[in-house]
Amino acid sequence: MTADPYSATSRPHVLILGRAKTGTTFIAKSIEASCPAKPLRFIMEPKTLRDMQQARAASTRSTIIMKVLFDDWITQRDNLDELAGGDAQPAFHTRIAILRDPRDELISRLMYRPFSFLLSGHADDKDVERWATVLEQREQNHALTFFDMHKEYTAIFLGESDPANEINDVARLCLEYANYLNQCQGAFVTLRYEDAVLNDFSAIEKTLGWNVSQTRDLGRFGYTKRSSSSKNWMKWFHASDLERIKELMEPACKGLGYNDWALPADIDRTIEPEHHSGYVRALTLQYRQQSGALRTFVQRLRSRLFS
């Protein structure tokens, strides 16, 4: 058996921090797939310091690749500061902060969040199918605006609320994230989603100490991956959309370094079914499979306990 060249203190543990729907999973899995320090342990979205115990226990014998969502820790700022600082255990060799254009995040949320509503019980299959049908209308009719679509979305899932309310929520979280990173300068090396989807990881490779190649295999998290592209907001936003969204989101975009608001005159507004209506329907299938697996597990557990 080959001797393990790493000690508990020398393993290059990696922390990846980002917001929901900003490409954190595929970036984290790309780092994991490229990491030469074996064995590896991938830890997906711990939500409390107690959840870190498994990482601490595993860090003496495995290299930890840990993906953390800022959204889960926003009310635990002291604990997040501990993760970002040098006293956290495991001792992270590299801390990476992922940045993504908040306008593209809006599009990604519209496609993925119905899956979250299914999981939480705030929607059912019929609701998601209604949304997929609305997306089909946009796939066929490029004249429909983003706010036309978002109004339908909020009517289905949020009960006729003002579309601006959710956009404001995204803008607020993005700005809080930008402010947090600004406050802890030096703790994180930043990587832009837009570079990662072009397979450019040069911003983090020197700090990591190895080259990163984009992986297409996310394993059991594959359902989180949609188009792996950027600047989709240009396909979705019409001039009337852009005026309202700029008013709501400009400070957040500026805070994260996204300052270009120009729409190309010749923009192709085609949106692909496989990344929109088809993707939403695929998430419904994923939900059914997860629910079926859970029911089977519970049935087996009951059989063992009460037979």
C-alpha atoms as a PDB file:
ATOM      1  CA  MET A   1       0.000   0.000   0.000  1.00  0.00           C
ATOM      2  CA  THR A   2       1.295   3.464  -0.930  1.00  0.00           C
ATOM      3  CA  ALA A   3       2.025   5.669   2.051  1.00  0.00           C
ATOM      4  CA  ASP A   4      -0.187   8.712   2.449  1.00  0.00           C
ATOM      5  CA  PRO A   5       2.082  11.745   1.772  1.00  0.00           C
ATOM      6  CA  TYR A   6      -0.218  14.135   3.646  1.00  0.00           C
ATOM      7  CA  SER A   7      -0.536  14.738   7.377  1.00  0.00           C
ATOM      8  CA  ALA A   8      -3.648  16.077   9.109  1.00  0.00           C
ATOM      9  CA  THR A   9      -2.197  19.601   8.950  1.00  0.00           C
ATOM     10  CA  SER A  10      -0.803  19.473   5.405  1.00  0.00           C
ATOM     11  CA  ARG A  11      -3.889  18.252   3.520  1.00  0.00           C
ATOM     12  CA  PRO A  12      -5.051  20.959   1.042  1.00  0.00           C
ATOM     13  CA  HIS A  13      -8.638  21.269   2.291  1.00  0.00           C
ATOM     14  CA  VAL A  14     -10.783  23.601   0.159  1.00  0.00           C
ATOM     15  CA  LEU A  15     -13.795  25.735   1.101  1.00  0.00           C
ATOM     16  CA  ILE A  16     -16.042  26.980  -1.727  1.00  0.00           C
ATOM     17  CA  LEU A  17     -18.444  29.769  -0.757  1.00  0.00           C
ATOM     18  CA  GLY A  18     -21.192  31.126  -2.970  1.00  0.00           C
ATOM     19  CA  ARG A  19     -24.839  31.961  -3.287  1.00  0.00           C
ATOM     20  CA  ALA A  20     -27.546  29.555  -4.372  1.00  0.00           C
ATOM     21  CA  LYS A  21     -27.805  29.080  -8.156  1.00  0.00           C
ATOM     22  CA  THR A  22     -24.411  30.579  -8.930  1.00  0.00           C
ATOM     23  CA  GLY A  23     -22.612  27.452 -10.171  1.00  0.00           C
ATOM     24  CA  THR A  24     -21.138  26.418  -6.833  1.00  0.00           C
ATOM     25  CA  THR A  25     -21.845  22.701  -7.314  1.00  0.00           C
ATOM     26  CA  PHE A  26     -20.205  22.235 -10.697  1.00  0.00           C
ATOM     27  CA  ILE A  27     -17.220  24.366  -9.643  1.00  0.00           C
ATOM     28  CA  ALA A  28     -16.793  22.444  -6.388  1.00  0.00           C
ATOM     29  CA  LYS A  29     -17.079  19.106  -8.202  1.00  0.00           C
ATOM     30  CA  SER A  30     -14.558  20.288 -10.814  1.00  0.00           C
ATOM     31  CA  ILE A  31     -12.103  21.106  -8.023  1.00  0.00           C
ATOM     32  CA  GLU A  32     -12.763  17.730  -6.420  1.00  0.00           C
ATOM     33  CA  ALA A  33     -12.292  15.837  -9.697  1.00  0.00           C
ATOM     34  CA  SER A  34      -8.950  17.570 -10.314  1.00  0.00           C
ATOM     35  CA  CYS A  35      -7.537  17.412  -6.771  1.00  0.00           C
ATOM     36  CA  PRO A  36      -4.427  15.177  -6.577  1.00  0.00           C
ATOM     37  CA  ALA A  37      -4.576  14.803  -2.780  1.00  0.00           C
ATOM     38  CA  LYS A  38      -6.397  11.510  -2.302  1.00  0.00           C
ATOM     39  CA  PRO A  39      -8.506  10.237  -0.626  1.00  0.00           C
ATOM     40  CA  LEU A  40     -11.151  12.936  -0.954  1.00  0.00           C
ATOM     41  CA  ARG A  41     -14.337  13.751   0.935  1.00  0.00           C
ATOM     42  CA  PHE A  42     -16.929  16.038  -0.676  1.00  0.00           C
ATOM     43  CA  ILE A  43     -19.211  17.810   1.810  1.00  0.00           C
ATOM     44  CA  MET A  44     -22.330  19.426   0.368  1.00  0.00           C
ATOM     45  CA  GLU A  45     -23.799  22.553   1.972  1.00  0.00           C
ATOM     46  CA  PRO A  46     -23.345  22.180   5.740  1.00  0.00           C
ATOM     47  CA  LYS A  47     -25.735  24.542   7.484  1.00  0.00           C
ATOM     48  CA  THR A  48     -24.410  24.793  11.065  1.00  0.00           C
ATOM     49  CA  LEU A  49     -21.114  24.398  12.872  1.00  0.00           C
ATOM     50  CA  ARG A  50     -22.444  21.125  14.229  1.00  0.00           C
ATOM     51  CA  ASP A  51     -22.602  19.925  10.634  1.00  0.00           C
ATOM     52  CA  MET A  52     -18.863  20.598  10.482  1.00  0.00           C
ATOM     53  CA  GLN A  53     -18.132  17.778  12.886  1.00  0.00           C
ATOM     54  CA  GLN A  54     -18.123  15.232  10.073  1.00  0.00           C
ATOM     55  CA  ALA A  55     -15.591  17.385   8.238  1.00  0.00           C
ATOM     56  CA  ARG A  56     -13.379  17.644  11.317  1.00  0.00           C
ATOM     57  CA  ALA A  57     -13.517  13.897  11.858  1.00  0.00           C
ATOM     58  CA  ALA A  58     -12.738  13.127   8.219  1.00  0.00           C
ATOM     59  CA  SER A  59     -10.037  15.763   7.730  1.00  0.00           C
ATOM     60  CA  THR A  60      -7.298  13.709   9.367  1.00  0.00           C
ATOM     61  CA  ARG A  61      -7.578  10.973   6.755  1.00  0.00           C
ATOM     62  CA  SER A  62      -9.211  12.667   3.732  1.00  0.00           C
ATOM     63  CA  THR A  63      -8.843  15.928   1.835  1.00  0.00           C
ATOM     64  CA  ILE A  64     -12.028  17.935   2.357  1.00  0.00           C
ATOM     65  CA  ILE A  65     -13.742  19.748  -0.510  1.00  0.00           C
ATOM     66  CA  MET A  66     -16.578  21.653   1.170  1.00  0.00           C
ATOM     67  CA  LYS A  67     -19.268  23.667  -0.598  1.00  0.00           C
ATOM     68  CA  VAL A  68     -21.041  26.249   1.578  1.00  0.00           C
ATOM     69  CA  LEU A  69     -23.975  28.483   0.609  1.00  0.00           C
ATOM     70  CA  PHE A  70     -23.815  32.039   1.917  1.00  0.00           C
ATOM     71  CA  ASP A  71     -27.627  32.003   2.047  1.00  0.00           C
ATOM     72  CA  ASP A  72     -27.520  29.296   4.753  1.00  0.00           C
ATOM     73  CA  TRP A  73     -25.072  31.229   6.943  1.00  0.00           C
ATOM     74  CA  ILE A  74     -26.300  34.783   6.553  1.00  0.00           C
ATOM     75  CA  THR A  75     -27.863  34.734  10.036  1.00  0.00           C
ATOM     76  CA  GLN A  76     -24.775  33.015  11.468  1.00  0.00           C
ATOM     77  CA  ARG A  77     -22.216  35.633  10.605  1.00  0.00           C
ATOM     78  CA  ASP A  78     -19.930  34.853  13.567  1.00  0.00           C
ATOM     79  CA  ASN A  79     -19.806  31.210  12.544  1.00  0.00           C
ATOM     80  CA  LEU A  80     -19.231  32.162   8.917  1.00  0.00           C
ATOM     81  CA  ASP A  81     -16.392  34.423  10.032  1.00  0.00           C
ATOM     82  CA  GLU A  82     -14.889  31.441  11.841  1.00  0.00           C
ATOM     83  CA  LEU A  83     -14.995  29.442   8.601  1.00  0.00           C
ATOM     84  CA  ALA A  84     -13.390  32.316   6.726  1.00  0.00           C
ATOM     85  CA  GLY A  85     -10.721  32.801   9.399  1.00  0.00           C
ATOM     86  CA  GLY A  86      -7.638  30.820  10.163  1.00  0.00           C
ATOM     87  CA  ASP A  87      -8.979  29.147  13.307  1.00  0.00           C
ATOM     88  CA  ALA A  88     -11.595  26.976  11.591  1.00  0.00           C
ATOM     89  CA  GLN A  89     -11.302  23.212  11.645  1.00  0.00           C
ATOM     90  CA  PRO A  90     -10.499  21.678   9.306  1.00  0.00           C
ATOM     91  CA  ALA A  91      -7.842  24.259   8.471  1.00  0.00           C
ATOM     92  CA  PHE A  92      -8.674  25.241   4.907  1.00  0.00           C
ATOM     93  CA  HIS A  93      -5.708  25.552   2.591  1.00  0.00           C
ATOM     94  CA  THR A  94      -7.808  27.534   0.073  1.00  0.00           C
ATOM     95  CA  ARG A  95     -11.022  29.514   0.448  1.00  0.00           C
ATOM     96  CA  ILE A  96     -12.799  30.340  -2.808  1.00  0.00           C
ATOM     97  CA  ALA A  97     -15.698  32.761  -3.283  1.00  0.00           C
ATOM     98  CA  ILE A  98     -17.844  32.291  -6.395  1.00  0.00           C
ATOM     99  CA  LEU A  99     -19.283  35.339  -8.154  1.00  0.00           C
ATOM    100  CA  ARG A 100     -22.087  35.292 -10.708  1.00  0.00           C
ATOM    101  CA  ASP A 101     -24.032  38.002 -12.500  1.00  0.00           C
ATOM    102  CA  PRO A 102     -27.188  38.582 -10.393  1.00  0.00           C
ATOM    103  CA  ARG A 103     -29.229  39.042 -13.572  1.00  0.00           C
ATOM    104  CA  ASP A 104     -28.361  35.535 -14.719  1.00  0.00           C
ATOM    105  CA  GLU A 105     -29.128  34.300 -11.229  1.00  0.00           C
ATOM    106  CA  LEU A 106     -32.688  35.582 -11.687  1.00  0.00           C
ATOM    107  CA  ILE A 107     -33.096  33.371 -14.758  1.00  0.00           C
ATOM    108  CA  SER A 108     -31.563  30.355 -13.050  1.00  0.00           C
ATOM    109  CA  ARG A 109     -33.875  30.739 -10.042  1.00  0.00           C
ATOM    110  CA  LEU A 110     -36.938  30.766 -12.284  1.00  0.00           C
ATOM    111  CA  MET A 111     -35.900  27.381 -13.651  1.00  0.00           C
ATOM    112  CA  TYR A 112     -34.749  25.676 -10.448  1.00  0.00           C
ATOM    113  CA  ARG A 113     -36.833  27.115  -7.633  1.00  0.00           C
ATOM    114  CA  PRO A 114     -40.011  25.190  -8.566  1.00  0.00           C
ATOM    115  CA  PHE A 115     -38.041  22.078  -7.562  1.00  0.00           C
ATOM    116  CA  SER A 116     -37.484  23.651  -4.131  1.00  0.00           C
ATOM    117  CA  PHE A 117     -41.213  24.352  -3.898  1.00  0.00           C
ATOM    118  CA  LEU A 118     -41.911  20.685  -4.642  1.00  0.00           C
ATOM    119  CA  LEU A 119     -39.482  19.550  -1.943  1.00  0.00           C
ATOM    120  CA  SER A 120     -40.964  21.921   0.646  1.00  0.00           C
ATOM    121  CA  GLY A 121     -44.558  21.002  -0.201  1.00  0.00           C
ATOM    122  CA  HIS A 122     -45.396  24.517  -1.439  1.00  0.00           C
ATOM    123  CA  ALA A 123     -46.158  23.255  -4.966  1.00  0.00           C
ATOM    124  CA  ASP A 124     -47.235  20.080  -6.710  1.00  0.00           C
ATOM    125  CA  ASP A 125     -46.657  18.482 -10.112  1.00  0.00           C
ATOM    126  CA  LYS A 126     -49.574  20.386 -11.652  1.00  0.00           C
ATOM    127  CA  ASP A 127     -48.080  23.735 -10.605  1.00  0.00           C
ATOM    128  CA  VAL A 128     -44.740  22.877 -12.170  1.00  0.00           C
ATOM    129  CA  GLU A 129     -46.415  21.679 -15.358  1.00  0.00           C
ATOM    130  CA  ARG A 130     -48.290  24.984 -15.573  1.00  0.00           C
ATOM    131  CA  TRP A 131     -44.951  26.784 -15.334  1.00  0.00           C
ATOM    132  CA  ALA A 132     -43.383  24.523 -17.979  1.00  0.00           C
ATOM    133  CA  THR A 133     -46.292  25.364 -20.296  1.00  0.00           C
ATOM    134  CA  VAL A 134     -45.700  29.097 -19.736  1.00  0.00           C
ATOM    135  CA  LEU A 135     -42.024  28.574 -20.583  1.00  0.00           C
ATOM    136  CA  GLU A 136     -43.040  26.848 -23.804  1.00  0.00           C
ATOM    137  CA  GLN A 137     -44.953  29.990 -24.744  1.00  0.00           C
ATOM    138  CA  ARG A 138     -41.777  32.043 -24.267  1.00  0.00           C
ATOM    139  CA  GLU A 139     -39.743  29.515 -26.280  1.00  0.00           C
ATOM    140  CA  GLN A 140     -42.138  30.095 -29.179  1.00  0.00           C
ATOM    141  CA  ASN A 141     -42.806  33.810 -28.714  1.00  0.00           C
ATOM    142  CA  HIS A 142     -39.669  35.911 -28.273  1.00  0.00           C
ATOM    143  CA  ALA A 143     -41.724  39.076 -27.788  1.00  0.00           C
ATOM    144  CA  LEU A 144     -42.791  38.017 -24.292  1.00  0.00           C
ATOM    145  CA  THR A 145     -40.848  40.061 -21.735  1.00  0.00           C
ATOM    146  CA  PHE A 146     -39.114  38.900 -18.576  1.00  0.00           C
ATOM    147  CA  PHE A 147     -41.763  40.616 -16.462  1.00  0.00           C
ATOM    148  CA  ASP A 148     -44.503  38.943 -18.487  1.00  0.00           C
ATOM    149  CA  MET A 149     -42.962  35.614 -17.488  1.00  0.00           C
ATOM    150  CA  HIS A 150     -42.140  36.544 -13.917  1.00  0.00           C
ATOM    151  CA  LYS A 151     -45.714  37.690 -13.343  1.00  0.00           C
ATOM    152  CA  GLU A 152     -46.946  34.231 -14.394  1.00  0.00           C
ATOM    153  CA  TYR A 153     -44.307  32.593 -12.194  1.00  0.00           C
ATOM    154  CA  THR A 154     -45.310  34.518  -9.082  1.00  0.00           C
ATOM    155  CA  ALA A 155     -48.988  33.845  -9.757  1.00  0.00           C
ATOM    156  CA  ILE A 156     -48.330  30.084  -9.827  1.00  0.00           C
ATOM    157  CA  PHE A 157     -45.872  29.719  -6.968  1.00  0.00           C
ATOM    158  CA  LEU A 158     -46.134  32.806  -4.782  1.00  0.00           C
ATOM    159  CA  GLY A 159     -49.804  33.688  -5.029  1.00  0.00           C
ATOM    160  CA  GLU A 160     -50.009  36.796  -7.214  1.00  0.00           C
ATOM    161  CA  SER A 161     -47.234  38.662  -5.397  1.00  0.00           C
ATOM    162  CA  ASP A 162     -45.472  41.581  -7.085  1.00  0.00           C
ATOM    163  CA  PRO A 163     -42.586  40.215  -9.224  1.00  0.00           C
ATOM    164  CA  ALA A 164     -40.453  43.098  -7.965  1.00  0.00           C
ATOM    165  CA  ASN A 165     -40.594  41.674  -4.438  1.00  0.00           C
ATOM    166  CA  GLU A 166     -38.580  38.574  -5.278  1.00  0.00           C
ATOM    167  CA  ILE A 167     -36.182  40.530  -7.473  1.00  0.00           C
ATOM    168  CA  ASN A 168     -35.603  42.848  -4.518  1.00  0.00           C
ATOM    169  CA  ASP A 169     -34.876  39.821  -2.325  1.00  0.00           C
ATOM    170  CA  VAL A 170     -32.256  38.538  -4.774  1.00  0.00           C
ATOM    171  CA  ALA A 171     -30.715  42.000  -5.040  1.00  0.00           C
ATOM    172  CA  ARG A 172     -30.555  42.322  -1.237  1.00  0.00           C
ATOM    173  CA  LEU A 173     -28.834  38.943  -0.809  1.00  0.00           C
ATOM    174  CA  CYS A 174     -26.379  39.670  -3.616  1.00  0.00           C
ATOM    175  CA  LEU A 175     -25.489  43.016  -2.056  1.00  0.00           C
ATOM    176  CA  GLU A 176     -25.041  41.433   1.377  1.00  0.00           C
ATOM    177  CA  TYR A 177     -22.740  38.861  -0.188  1.00  0.00           C
ATOM    178  CA  ALA A 178     -20.728  41.566  -1.962  1.00  0.00           C
ATOM    179  CA  ASN A 179     -20.424  43.547   1.272  1.00  0.00           C
ATOM    180  CA  TYR A 180     -19.372  40.455   3.200  1.00  0.00           C
ATOM    181  CA  LEU A 181     -16.586  39.643   0.740  1.00  0.00           C
ATOM    182  CA  ASN A 182     -15.465  43.264   0.834  1.00  0.00           C
ATOM    183  CA  GLN A 183     -15.280  43.146   4.631  1.00  0.00           C
ATOM    184  CA  CYS A 184     -13.103  40.024   4.692  1.00  0.00           C
ATOM    185  CA  GLN A 185     -10.720  40.904   1.885  1.00  0.00           C
ATOM    186  CA  GLY A 186      -7.817  38.507   1.678  1.00  0.00           C
ATOM    187  CA  ALA A 187      -9.695  35.571   3.169  1.00  0.00           C
ATOM    188  CA  PHE A 188     -11.035  34.370  -0.191  1.00  0.00           C
ATOM    189  CA  VAL A 189      -9.723  34.097  -3.717  1.00  0.00           C
ATOM    190  CA  THR A 190     -12.560  34.863  -6.130  1.00  0.00           C
ATOM    191  CA  LEU A 191     -13.659  32.953  -9.205  1.00  0.00           C
ATOM    192  CA  ARG A 192     -16.273  34.207 -11.620  1.00  0.00           C
ATOM    193  CA  TYR A 193     -18.870  31.723 -12.849  1.00  0.00           C
ATOM    194  CA  GLU A 194     -18.540  33.265 -16.316  1.00  0.00           C
ATOM    195  CA  ASP A 195     -14.862  32.216 -16.445  1.00  0.00           C
ATOM    196  CA  ALA A 196     -15.527  28.744 -15.039  1.00  0.00           C
ATOM    197  CA  VAL A 197     -18.099  27.870 -17.721  1.00  0.00           C
ATOM    198  CA  LEU A 198     -15.385  28.707 -20.277  1.00  0.00           C
ATOM    199  CA  ASN A 199     -13.102  26.260 -18.435  1.00  0.00           C
ATOM    200  CA  ASP A 200     -10.904  29.111 -17.183  1.00  0.00           C
ATOM    201  CA  PHE A 201      -9.923  28.416 -13.580  1.00  0.00           C
ATOM    202  CA  SER A 202      -6.675  30.400 -13.691  1.00  0.00           C
ATOM    203  CA  ALA A 203      -7.902  32.769 -10.951  1.00  0.00           C
ATOM    204  CA  ILE A 204      -7.736  29.974  -8.366  1.00  0.00           C
ATOM    205  CA  GLU A 205      -5.180  27.484  -9.677  1.00  0.00           C
ATOM    206  CA  LYS A 206      -2.090  29.155  -8.221  1.00  0.00           C
ATOM    207  CA  THR A 207      -3.651  29.249  -4.767  1.00  0.00           C
ATOM    208  CA  LEU A 208      -4.918  25.673  -5.050  1.00  0.00           C
ATOM    209  CA  GLY A 209      -1.616  24.354  -6.337  1.00  0.00           C
ATOM    210  CA  TRP A 210      -3.110  22.256  -9.143  1.00  0.00           C
ATOM    211  CA  ASN A 211      -4.835  22.722 -12.507  1.00  0.00           C
ATOM    212  CA  VAL A 212      -8.627  22.443 -12.622  1.00  0.00           C
ATOM    213  CA  SER A 213     -10.617  20.967 -15.485  1.00  0.00           C
ATOM    214  CA  GLN A 214     -14.365  21.496 -15.762  1.00  0.00           C
ATOM    215  CA  THR A 215     -16.189  18.269 -15.007  1.00  0.00           C
ATOM    216  CA  ARG A 216     -19.386  17.243 -16.776  1.00  0.00           C
ATOM    217  CA  ASP A 217     -20.134  14.588 -14.174  1.00  0.00           C
ATOM    218  CA  LEU A 218     -21.805  15.947 -11.043  1.00  0.00           C
ATOM    219  CA  GLY A 219     -22.806  12.504  -9.852  1.00  0.00           C
ATOM    220  CA  ARG A 220     -25.971  12.521  -7.761  1.00  0.00           C
ATOM    221  CA  PHE A 221     -26.059  16.324  -7.996  1.00  0.00           C
ATOM    222  CA  GLY A 222     -26.327  16.296 -11.793  1.00  0.00           C
ATOM    223  CA  TYR A 223     -29.888  17.606 -11.711  1.00  0.00           C
ATOM    224  CA  THR A 224     -28.605  20.979 -10.455  1.00  0.00           C
ATOM    225  CA  LYS A 225     -26.813  21.634 -13.753  1.00  0.00           C
ATOM    226  CA  ARG A 226     -28.779  23.430 -16.456  1.00  0.00           C
ATOM    227  CA  SER A 227     -27.184  25.352 -19.335  1.00  0.00           C
ATOM    228  CA  SER A 228     -23.623  26.059 -18.105  1.00  0.00           C
ATOM    229  CA  SER A 229     -23.634  29.360 -19.970  1.00  0.00           C
ATOM    230  CA  SER A 230     -23.611  33.055 -19.123  1.00  0.00           C
ATOM    231  CA  LYS A 231     -25.298  36.310 -20.139  1.00  0.00           C
ATOM    232  CA  ASN A 232     -28.651  34.588 -20.572  1.00  0.00           C
ATOM    233  CA  TRP A 233     -30.284  37.736 -19.187  1.00  0.00           C
ATOM    234  CA  MET A 234     -29.631  39.404 -22.528  1.00  0.00           C
ATOM    235  CA  LYS A 235     -31.910  36.850 -24.227  1.00  0.00           C
ATOM    236  CA  TRP A 236     -34.622  37.375 -21.642  1.00  0.00           C
ATOM    237  CA  PHE A 237     -34.609  41.098 -20.912  1.00  0.00           C
ATOM    238  CA  HIS A 238     -36.281  43.579 -23.208  1.00  0.00           C
ATOM    239  CA  ALA A 239     -35.635  47.297 -22.895  1.00  0.00           C
ATOM    240  CA  SER A 240     -38.726  47.681 -20.690  1.00  0.00           C
ATOM    241  CA  ASP A 241     -37.445  44.893 -18.403  1.00  0.00           C
ATOM    242  CA  LEU A 242     -33.981  46.351 -18.209  1.00  0.00           C
ATOM    243  CA  GLU A 243     -35.215  49.761 -17.055  1.00  0.00           C
ATOM    244  CA  ARG A 244     -37.045  48.253 -14.050  1.00  0.00           C
ATOM    245  CA  ILE A 245     -34.391  45.663 -13.209  1.00  0.00           C
ATOM    246  CA  LYS A 246     -31.572  48.207 -13.319  1.00  0.00           C
ATOM    247  CA  GLU A 247     -33.476  50.324 -10.809  1.00  0.00           C
ATOM    248  CA  LEU A 248     -33.852  47.293  -8.513  1.00  0.00           C
ATOM    249  CA  MET A 249     -30.487  45.590  -8.989  1.00  0.00           C
ATOM    250  CA  GLU A 250     -27.839  48.088 -10.027  1.00  0.00           C
ATOM    251  CA  PRO A 251     -26.179  48.414  -6.567  1.00  0.00           C
ATOM    252  CA  ALA A 252     -25.966  44.613  -6.215  1.00  0.00           C
ATOM    253  CA  CYS A 253     -24.565  44.190  -9.724  1.00  0.00           C
ATOM    254  CA  LYS A 254     -22.036  46.951  -9.143  1.00  0.00           C
ATOM    255  CA  GLY A 255     -21.003  45.442  -5.813  1.00  0.00           C
ATOM    256  CA  LEU A 256     -20.154  42.162  -7.528  1.00  0.00           C
ATOM    257  CA  GLY A 257     -18.457  43.844 -10.494  1.00  0.00           C
ATOM    258  CA  TYR A 258     -21.155  43.565 -13.169  1.00  0.00           C
ATOM    259  CA  ASN A 259     -21.568  47.025 -14.671  1.00  0.00           C
ATOM    260  CA  ASP A 260     -22.526  46.484 -18.328  1.00  0.00           C
ATOM    261  CA  TRP A 261     -26.232  47.127 -18.946  1.00  0.00           C
ATOM    262  CA  ALA A 262     -26.151  47.412 -22.739  1.00  0.00           C
ATOM    263  CA  LEU A 263     -28.297  45.076 -24.827  1.00  0.00           C
ATOM    264  CA  PRO A 264     -26.849  44.103 -28.234  1.00  0.00           C
ATOM    265  CA  ALA A 265     -29.057  45.342 -31.038  1.00  0.00           C
ATOM    266  CA  ASP A 266     -28.876  41.972 -32.796  1.00  0.00           C
ATOM    267  CA  ILE A 267     -29.456  39.769 -29.745  1.00  0.00           C
ATOM    268  CA  ASP A 268     -30.839  36.315 -30.470  1.00  0.00           C
ATOM    269  CA  ARG A 269     -33.708  35.824 -28.003  1.00  0.00           C
ATOM    270  CA  THR A 270     -34.040  32.098 -28.644  1.00  0.00           C
ATOM    271  CA  ILE A 271     -34.210  30.046 -25.444  1.00  0.00           C
ATOM    272  CA  GLU A 272     -33.694  26.301 -25.724  1.00  0.00           C
ATOM    273  CA  PRO A 273     -36.404  23.935 -24.409  1.00  0.00           C
ATOM    274  CA  GLU A 274     -33.793  21.588 -22.913  1.00  0.00           C
ATOM    275  CA  HIS A 275     -32.624  24.407 -20.630  1.00  0.00           C
ATOM    276  CA  HIS A 276     -36.083  25.741 -19.788  1.00  0.00           C
ATOM    277  CA  SER A 277     -39.397  23.860 -20.134  1.00  0.00           C
ATOM    278  CA  GLY A 278     -37.602  20.531 -20.564  1.00  0.00           C
ATOM    279  CA  TYR A 279     -35.318  21.217 -17.604  1.00  0.00           C
ATOM    280  CA  VAL A 280     -38.265  22.106 -15.363  1.00  0.00           C
ATOM    281  CA  ARG A 281     -40.053  18.886 -16.312  1.00  0.00           C
ATOM    282  CA  ALA A 282     -36.855  16.906 -15.671  1.00  0.00           C
ATOM    283  CA  LEU A 283     -36.727  18.348 -12.150  1.00  0.00           C
ATOM    284  CA  THR A 284     -40.279  17.123 -11.563  1.00  0.00           C
ATOM    285  CA  LEU A 285     -39.132  13.640 -12.565  1.00  0.00           C
ATOM    286  CA  GLN A 286     -36.177  13.975 -10.193  1.00  0.00           C
ATOM    287  CA  TYR A 287     -38.577  14.907  -7.392  1.00  0.00           C
ATOM    288  CA  ARG A 288     -40.742  11.858  -8.080  1.00  0.00           C
ATOM    289  CA  GLN A 289     -37.684   9.608  -8.028  1.00  0.00           C
ATOM    290  CA  GLN A 290     -36.446  11.111  -4.756  1.00  0.00           C
ATOM    291  CA  SER A 291     -39.888  10.819  -3.189  1.00  0.00           C
ATOM    292  CA  GLY A 292     -40.183   7.218  -4.337  1.00  0.00           C
ATOM    293  CA  ALA A 293     -36.767   6.360  -2.915  1.00  0.00           C
ATOM    294  CA  LEU A 294     -37.690   7.993   0.395  1.00  0.00           C
ATOM    295  CA  ARG A 295     -40.988   6.109   0.598  1.00  0.00           C
ATOM    296  CA  THR A 296     -39.170   2.831  -0.092  1.00  0.00           C
ATOM    297  CA  PHE A 297     -36.625   3.586   2.643  1.00  0.00           C
ATOM    298  CA  VAL A 298     -39.345   4.420   5.182  1.00  0.00           C
ATOM    299  CA  GLN A 299     -41.284   1.278   4.306  1.00  0.00           C
ATOM    300  CA  ARG A 300     -38.184  -0.888   4.759  1.00  0.00           C
ATOM    301  CA  LEU A 301     -37.351   0.829   8.041  1.00  0.00           C
ATOM    302  CA  ARG A 302     -40.872   0.277   9.367  1.00  0.00           C
ATOM    303  CA  SER A 303     -40.730  -3.360   8.290  1.00  0.00           C
ATOM    304  CA  ARG A 304     -37.495  -3.879  10.211  1.00  0.00           C
ATOM    305  CA  LEU A 305     -38.720  -2.068  13.311  1.00  0.00           C
ATOM    306  CA  PHE A 306     -42.158  -3.578  13.571  1.00  0.00           C
ATOM    307  CA  SER A 307     -41.893  -7.042  11.970  1.00  0.00           C
END
